[in-house]
Amino acid sequence: MNNPPQFTWDDLQFFLAVARTGQLSTAARQLRTSHATVSRRIDRLEFALKVKLFERNPRGYVMTAMGARFVETAERMEQETERLRADLTDGATQRGIVRLSAPEGFSNFFFAHVLSQFVAHHPNLSLELVTIQQIMSLSRKEADITVALDEPKGGPYFSDKLTDYHLQVYGSRDYLRRSAPITCRDDLLEHPFISYIEEMIFAPGLDYLGDVHPRIKPQFQSSSIFAQLTATRNGLGLCVLPYFFASRYPELERVLPEEVDLRRHYWITCHRDLRQSPRVRAVIDFLREAVTGEDVRFVPPWVKRKIDVEIS
């Protein structure tokens, strides 16, 4: 009697990498191997299971209906394996790749500054930080974790508020010195504004010009908050910017600070099935601790004073 074809846990890891990326080459880079090895492992797994998991086409690998069903089983096995490894090892020996999607401002002006602390605690975890201006799909495995501006509505997701943050209108000191004085919100209409491109706003939380004044029409628009910041620092006009990074630049001054103070939130979200994954949990726990430790960056001192007064 012939023995049934066998596959190993490693084969499932190759399968999950291709399922999540749709590309042999990308999966190979993640797994630090060759695309030929990835292809061979997928072929072996399909032969062992006697089922076709992917349709091959020039654009990549697309899961079949059976492949989509099998990925759920493989992910549960992955999570249990990671939990077992976590029970047997400490944080410094955890291994794997975690992809984090976060807004440009949070990524560049906060997370990148504390990343060395994460690496020190988890030297064997590889972190991929995605900052492109769009919503990454957790359901399609484009990211393991997202830091989002809005809480997801429904779906199989775990979500928790990471922090509040505040935004004000800013202008460069030189610009404000040479421009008409601003004493009320209507005065803002006489000044050029810098903002996001309206039709490219990827989250409702970024649509805030109307909260400052409903008749503001921006003169310069960019999908990049860094470009907006640079234009503001160079005196192009006024811009609504988050306090946690605008306050780093002494040449920027708040405009109508007593009247304009917008509050937004960062939410941390992952697929519910990944919440207990040790590698994912390590990143989530680190983000919470880092934000809590840097709370003064996100909550301006005048807001803290108001909170303290209300509490007392």
Protein backbone atom coordinates (compact mmCIF):
# COMPACT_ATOMS: atom_id res chain seq x y z
CA MET A 1 0.00 0.00 0.00
CA ASN A 2 1.36 3.39 -0.97
CA ASN A 3 1.74 5.92 1.82
CA PRO A 4 -0.42 9.02 1.35
CA PRO A 5 1.51 12.11 0.30
CA GLN A 6 2.70 14.14 3.24
CA PHE A 7 3.08 17.85 3.88
CA THR A 8 4.71 19.74 6.73
CA TRP A 9 3.88 22.83 8.76
CA ASP A 10 6.48 24.67 6.66
CA ASP A 11 4.34 24.00 3.59
CA LEU A 12 1.42 25.75 5.30
CA GLN A 13 3.62 28.77 6.02
CA PHE A 14 4.48 28.98 2.33
CA PHE A 15 0.79 28.65 1.47
CA LEU A 16 -0.18 31.48 3.85
CA ALA A 17 2.54 33.76 2.52
CA VAL A 18 1.31 33.33 -1.05
CA ALA A 19 -2.34 33.63 0.01
CA ARG A 20 -1.59 36.95 1.72
CA THR A 21 0.56 38.47 -0.99
CA GLY A 22 -0.71 36.89 -4.20
CA GLN A 23 2.86 36.86 -5.54
CA LEU A 24 5.56 34.19 -5.41
CA SER A 25 8.33 36.78 -5.43
CA THR A 26 6.85 38.77 -2.54
CA ALA A 27 6.22 35.62 -0.52
CA ALA A 28 9.78 34.49 -1.22
CA ARG A 29 11.19 37.78 0.10
CA GLN A 30 9.12 37.49 3.26
CA LEU A 31 10.24 33.91 3.80
CA ARG A 32 13.84 34.70 2.79
CA THR A 33 13.97 32.02 0.12
CA SER A 34 13.67 31.71 -3.66
CA HIS A 35 10.45 31.93 -5.64
CA ALA A 36 11.25 28.48 -7.07
CA THR A 37 11.21 27.04 -3.55
CA VAL A 38 7.88 28.71 -2.83
CA SER A 39 6.40 27.33 -6.05
CA ARG A 40 7.67 23.83 -5.25
CA ARG A 41 6.17 23.93 -1.74
CA ILE A 42 2.78 25.05 -3.07
CA ASP A 43 2.82 22.28 -5.66
CA ARG A 44 3.68 19.73 -2.96
CA LEU A 45 0.87 20.93 -0.71
CA GLU A 46 -1.69 20.78 -3.53
CA PHE A 47 -0.51 17.28 -4.42
CA ALA A 48 -0.77 16.14 -0.80
CA LEU A 49 -4.25 17.59 -0.36
CA LYS A 50 -5.39 16.55 -3.85
CA VAL A 51 -6.97 19.95 -4.36
CA LYS A 52 -6.10 23.07 -6.33
CA LEU A 53 -5.49 25.99 -3.96
CA PHE A 54 -4.49 28.67 -6.47
CA GLU A 55 -5.20 29.73 -10.02
CA ARG A 56 -1.95 30.75 -11.70
CA ASN A 57 -2.05 33.74 -14.03
CA PRO A 58 0.46 36.34 -15.29
CA ARG A 59 -0.54 38.75 -12.50
CA GLY A 60 0.07 36.28 -9.70
CA TYR A 61 -1.60 33.57 -7.66
CA VAL A 62 -5.34 33.87 -6.99
CA MET A 63 -6.93 31.60 -4.40
CA THR A 64 -9.58 29.17 -5.53
CA ALA A 65 -12.74 28.65 -3.49
CA MET A 66 -11.08 25.67 -1.79
CA GLY A 67 -7.98 27.74 -1.17
CA ALA A 68 -10.04 30.44 0.53
CA ARG A 69 -11.62 27.80 2.77
CA PHE A 70 -8.29 26.20 3.55
CA VAL A 71 -6.65 29.50 4.50
CA GLU A 72 -8.97 29.76 7.53
CA THR A 73 -7.81 26.37 8.77
CA ALA A 74 -4.16 27.18 8.10
CA GLU A 75 -4.44 30.48 9.98
CA ARG A 76 -5.93 28.76 13.02
CA MET A 77 -3.02 26.33 12.97
CA GLU A 78 -0.61 29.25 12.64
CA GLN A 79 -2.12 30.99 15.66
CA GLU A 80 -1.99 27.87 17.80
CA THR A 81 1.62 27.28 16.78
CA GLU A 82 2.53 30.85 17.70
CA ARG A 83 0.77 30.54 21.05
CA LEU A 84 2.72 27.37 21.77
CA ARG A 85 5.98 29.07 20.85
CA ALA A 86 5.09 32.03 23.06
CA ASP A 87 4.50 29.71 26.00
CA LEU A 88 7.96 28.25 25.50
CA THR A 89 9.89 31.44 24.79
CA ASP A 90 10.11 35.01 26.03
CA GLY A 91 9.47 38.14 23.98
CA ALA A 92 13.08 38.51 22.90
CA THR A 93 13.00 35.18 21.06
CA GLN A 94 9.67 35.59 19.25
CA ARG A 95 10.08 35.41 15.49
CA GLY A 96 8.02 36.37 12.47
CA ILE A 97 6.87 39.30 10.38
CA VAL A 98 4.22 41.83 11.37
CA ARG A 99 2.87 44.36 8.89
CA LEU A 100 1.56 47.57 10.45
CA SER A 101 -0.41 50.10 8.43
CA ALA A 102 -0.60 53.60 9.94
CA PRO A 103 -1.26 57.16 8.77
CA GLU A 104 1.72 59.13 7.52
CA GLY A 105 1.70 61.59 10.40
CA PHE A 106 1.58 58.93 13.12
CA SER A 107 4.21 56.81 11.36
CA ASN A 108 6.76 59.50 10.57
CA PHE A 109 6.37 61.82 13.52
CA PHE A 110 5.76 59.35 16.32
CA PHE A 111 6.23 55.66 15.62
CA ALA A 112 9.52 56.00 13.75
CA HIS A 113 10.96 57.80 16.80
CA VAL A 114 10.16 54.95 19.20
CA LEU A 115 10.88 52.07 16.80
CA SER A 116 14.33 51.44 18.28
CA GLN A 117 12.67 50.58 21.60
CA PHE A 118 10.54 47.94 19.88
CA VAL A 119 13.59 46.42 18.18
CA ALA A 120 15.42 46.30 21.51
CA HIS A 121 12.59 44.32 23.11
CA HIS A 122 11.82 42.11 20.09
CA PRO A 123 15.05 41.72 18.08
CA ASN A 124 13.78 38.68 16.15
CA LEU A 125 10.49 40.21 15.00
CA SER A 126 10.55 41.85 11.58
CA LEU A 127 8.25 44.85 11.28
CA GLU A 128 6.87 46.20 7.99
CA LEU A 129 5.49 49.73 8.28
CA VAL A 130 3.07 50.77 5.51
CA THR A 131 2.27 54.49 5.24
CA ILE A 132 0.66 54.76 1.79
CA GLN A 133 -2.37 57.04 1.64
CA GLN A 134 -5.15 54.47 1.52
CA ILE A 135 -7.02 52.06 3.73
CA MET A 136 -5.19 48.75 3.98
CA SER A 137 -7.54 45.78 3.97
CA LEU A 138 -7.29 43.52 7.00
CA SER A 139 -9.71 41.09 5.37
CA ARG A 140 -7.37 40.66 2.38
CA LYS A 141 -4.34 40.35 4.69
CA GLU A 142 -2.73 43.52 3.33
CA ALA A 143 -1.83 44.34 6.93
CA ASP A 144 -1.84 42.50 10.24
CA ILE A 145 -2.56 45.63 12.29
CA THR A 146 -3.82 49.07 11.36
CA VAL A 147 -3.70 52.35 13.22
CA ALA A 148 -6.80 54.04 11.84
CA LEU A 149 -8.46 57.42 12.21
CA ASP A 150 -11.94 55.94 12.44
CA GLU A 151 -13.28 52.92 14.29
CA PRO A 152 -14.27 50.12 11.89
CA LYS A 153 -17.98 49.54 11.51
CA GLY A 154 -18.69 45.86 12.02
CA GLY A 155 -16.70 42.96 10.66
CA PRO A 156 -14.61 40.31 12.41
CA TYR A 157 -12.23 42.82 13.96
CA PHE A 158 -10.84 43.70 17.34
CA SER A 159 -10.58 47.47 17.75
CA ASP A 160 -9.57 49.70 20.64
CA LYS A 161 -8.95 53.43 20.93
CA LEU A 162 -5.23 54.08 21.10
CA THR A 163 -5.33 57.79 21.94
CA ASP A 164 -6.99 61.11 21.32
CA TYR A 165 -5.01 63.78 19.52
CA HIS A 166 -5.63 67.46 18.88
CA LEU A 167 -5.29 69.71 15.84
CA GLN A 168 -5.05 73.48 15.52
CA VAL A 169 -4.59 76.02 12.75
CA TYR A 170 -0.91 76.86 12.27
CA GLY A 171 1.03 79.41 10.29
CA SER A 172 4.71 80.26 10.11
CA ARG A 173 5.88 83.21 12.19
CA ASP A 174 7.11 85.00 9.05
CA TYR A 175 3.81 84.46 7.24
CA LEU A 176 1.73 85.74 10.15
CA ARG A 177 3.97 88.79 10.55
CA ARG A 178 3.48 89.93 6.95
CA SER A 179 -0.22 89.00 6.65
CA ALA A 180 -3.50 90.54 7.78
CA PRO A 181 -4.24 89.99 11.48
CA ILE A 182 -6.56 87.17 12.50
CA THR A 183 -8.90 87.92 15.39
CA CYS A 184 -11.90 85.70 14.56
CA ARG A 185 -12.80 82.74 12.35
CA ASP A 186 -14.16 84.95 9.56
CA ASP A 187 -10.68 86.49 9.23
CA LEU A 188 -9.41 83.06 8.15
CA LEU A 189 -11.25 83.48 4.84
CA GLU A 190 -8.75 86.18 3.83
CA HIS A 191 -5.83 83.75 4.02
CA PRO A 192 -4.66 80.91 1.73
CA PHE A 193 -5.16 77.48 3.26
CA ILE A 194 -3.26 74.23 2.81
CA SER A 195 -5.14 70.93 3.09
CA TYR A 196 -5.75 67.43 1.78
CA ILE A 197 -7.10 66.86 -1.73
CA GLU A 198 -10.81 66.55 -1.04
CA GLU A 199 -11.58 63.59 -3.30
CA MET A 200 -8.51 61.73 -2.02
CA ILE A 201 -9.34 61.96 1.68
CA PHE A 202 -9.20 58.30 2.69
CA ALA A 203 -10.77 58.64 6.15
CA PRO A 204 -13.56 60.88 7.47
CA GLY A 205 -11.30 61.88 10.35
CA LEU A 206 -9.13 63.87 7.92
CA ASP A 207 -12.01 65.97 6.60
CA TYR A 208 -11.75 68.84 9.08
CA LEU A 209 -11.56 72.16 7.19
CA GLY A 210 -15.33 72.50 7.47
CA ASP A 211 -15.01 72.24 11.25
CA VAL A 212 -12.76 75.31 11.20
CA HIS A 213 -14.98 77.37 8.87
CA PRO A 214 -17.53 76.08 6.33
CA ARG A 215 -16.42 78.56 3.65
CA ILE A 216 -12.69 77.89 3.62
CA LYS A 217 -11.40 77.01 0.13
CA PRO A 218 -7.84 75.66 0.13
CA GLN A 219 -5.31 77.11 -2.28
CA PHE A 220 -2.80 74.27 -2.06
CA GLN A 221 -3.81 70.64 -1.58
CA SER A 222 -1.68 67.53 -1.09
CA SER A 223 -2.35 63.92 -0.14
CA SER A 224 0.77 64.08 2.06
CA ILE A 225 0.65 65.63 5.54
CA PHE A 226 4.44 66.03 5.34
CA ALA A 227 4.07 68.16 2.19
CA GLN A 228 1.41 70.23 3.94
CA LEU A 229 3.70 70.73 6.93
CA THR A 230 6.62 71.74 4.71
CA ALA A 231 4.49 74.23 2.77
CA THR A 232 3.25 75.75 6.04
CA ARG A 233 6.76 76.07 7.45
CA ASN A 234 7.81 77.83 4.25
CA GLY A 235 5.10 80.46 4.59
CA LEU A 236 2.63 79.37 1.92
CA GLY A 237 -0.38 79.90 4.19
CA LEU A 238 -2.35 78.38 7.04
CA CYS A 239 -2.89 74.70 7.72
CA VAL A 240 -4.69 72.47 10.22
CA LEU A 241 -1.98 70.27 11.73
CA PRO A 242 -1.79 67.79 14.62
CA TYR A 243 -0.26 69.28 17.74
CA PHE A 244 1.92 66.23 18.37
CA PHE A 245 4.21 67.11 15.50
CA ALA A 246 3.49 70.76 14.66
CA SER A 247 4.64 71.66 18.18
CA ARG A 248 8.12 70.40 17.30
CA TYR A 249 8.73 73.38 15.01
CA PRO A 250 9.35 76.71 16.79
CA GLU A 251 8.72 78.68 13.58
CA LEU A 252 5.06 77.58 13.63
CA GLU A 253 2.47 79.47 15.67
CA ARG A 254 -1.06 78.51 16.58
CA VAL A 255 -3.82 80.68 15.15
CA LEU A 256 -6.97 81.36 17.21
CA PRO A 257 -5.84 78.82 19.80
CA GLU A 258 -8.77 79.56 22.11
CA GLU A 259 -11.35 79.08 19.35
CA VAL A 260 -10.02 76.30 17.14
CA ASP A 261 -9.10 73.04 18.83
CA LEU A 262 -10.19 69.88 17.01
CA ARG A 263 -10.05 66.45 18.59
CA ARG A 264 -9.58 63.23 16.67
CA HIS A 265 -8.72 59.65 17.62
CA TYR A 266 -6.35 56.89 16.64
CA TRP A 267 -7.78 53.37 16.73
CA ILE A 268 -5.73 50.20 16.74
CA THR A 269 -7.37 47.37 14.82
CA CYS A 270 -6.58 43.81 13.84
CA HIS A 271 -8.49 40.78 12.66
CA ARG A 272 -10.16 39.15 15.65
CA ASP A 273 -8.46 35.83 14.90
CA LEU A 274 -5.04 37.50 15.09
CA ARG A 275 -5.60 39.29 18.38
CA GLN A 276 -3.98 36.53 20.46
CA SER A 277 -1.14 35.93 18.01
CA PRO A 278 2.02 36.57 20.08
CA ARG A 279 3.75 38.55 17.34
CA VAL A 280 0.68 40.72 16.75
CA ARG A 281 0.05 41.12 20.46
CA ALA A 282 3.67 42.22 20.94
CA VAL A 283 3.19 45.11 18.49
CA ILE A 284 -0.19 46.12 19.92
CA ASP A 285 1.12 46.08 23.49
CA PHE A 286 4.16 48.10 22.48
CA LEU A 287 2.04 50.72 20.71
CA ARG A 288 -0.16 51.13 23.77
CA GLU A 289 2.82 51.48 26.10
CA ALA A 290 4.63 53.88 23.77
CA VAL A 291 1.61 56.15 23.37
CA THR A 292 0.91 56.12 27.10
CA GLY A 293 4.53 56.99 27.81
CA GLU A 294 4.39 59.89 25.35
CA ASP A 295 0.93 61.11 26.34
CA VAL A 296 2.17 64.70 26.58
CA ARG A 297 2.73 64.70 22.81
CA PHE A 298 -0.87 63.87 21.99
CA VAL A 299 -2.71 65.84 24.67
CA PRO A 300 -1.65 69.52 24.64
CA PRO A 301 -0.91 71.18 28.00
CA TRP A 302 -3.91 73.52 27.78
CA VAL A 303 -6.20 70.51 27.30
CA LYS A 304 -4.58 68.75 30.26
CA ARG A 305 -5.16 71.83 32.40
CA LYS A 306 -8.85 71.82 31.48
CA ILE A 307 -9.11 68.12 32.33
CA ASP A 308 -7.37 68.67 35.67
CA VAL A 309 -9.75 71.53 36.50
CA GLU A 310 -12.79 69.40 35.63
CA ILE A 311 -11.52 66.53 37.77
CA SER A 312 -10.78 68.79 40.75
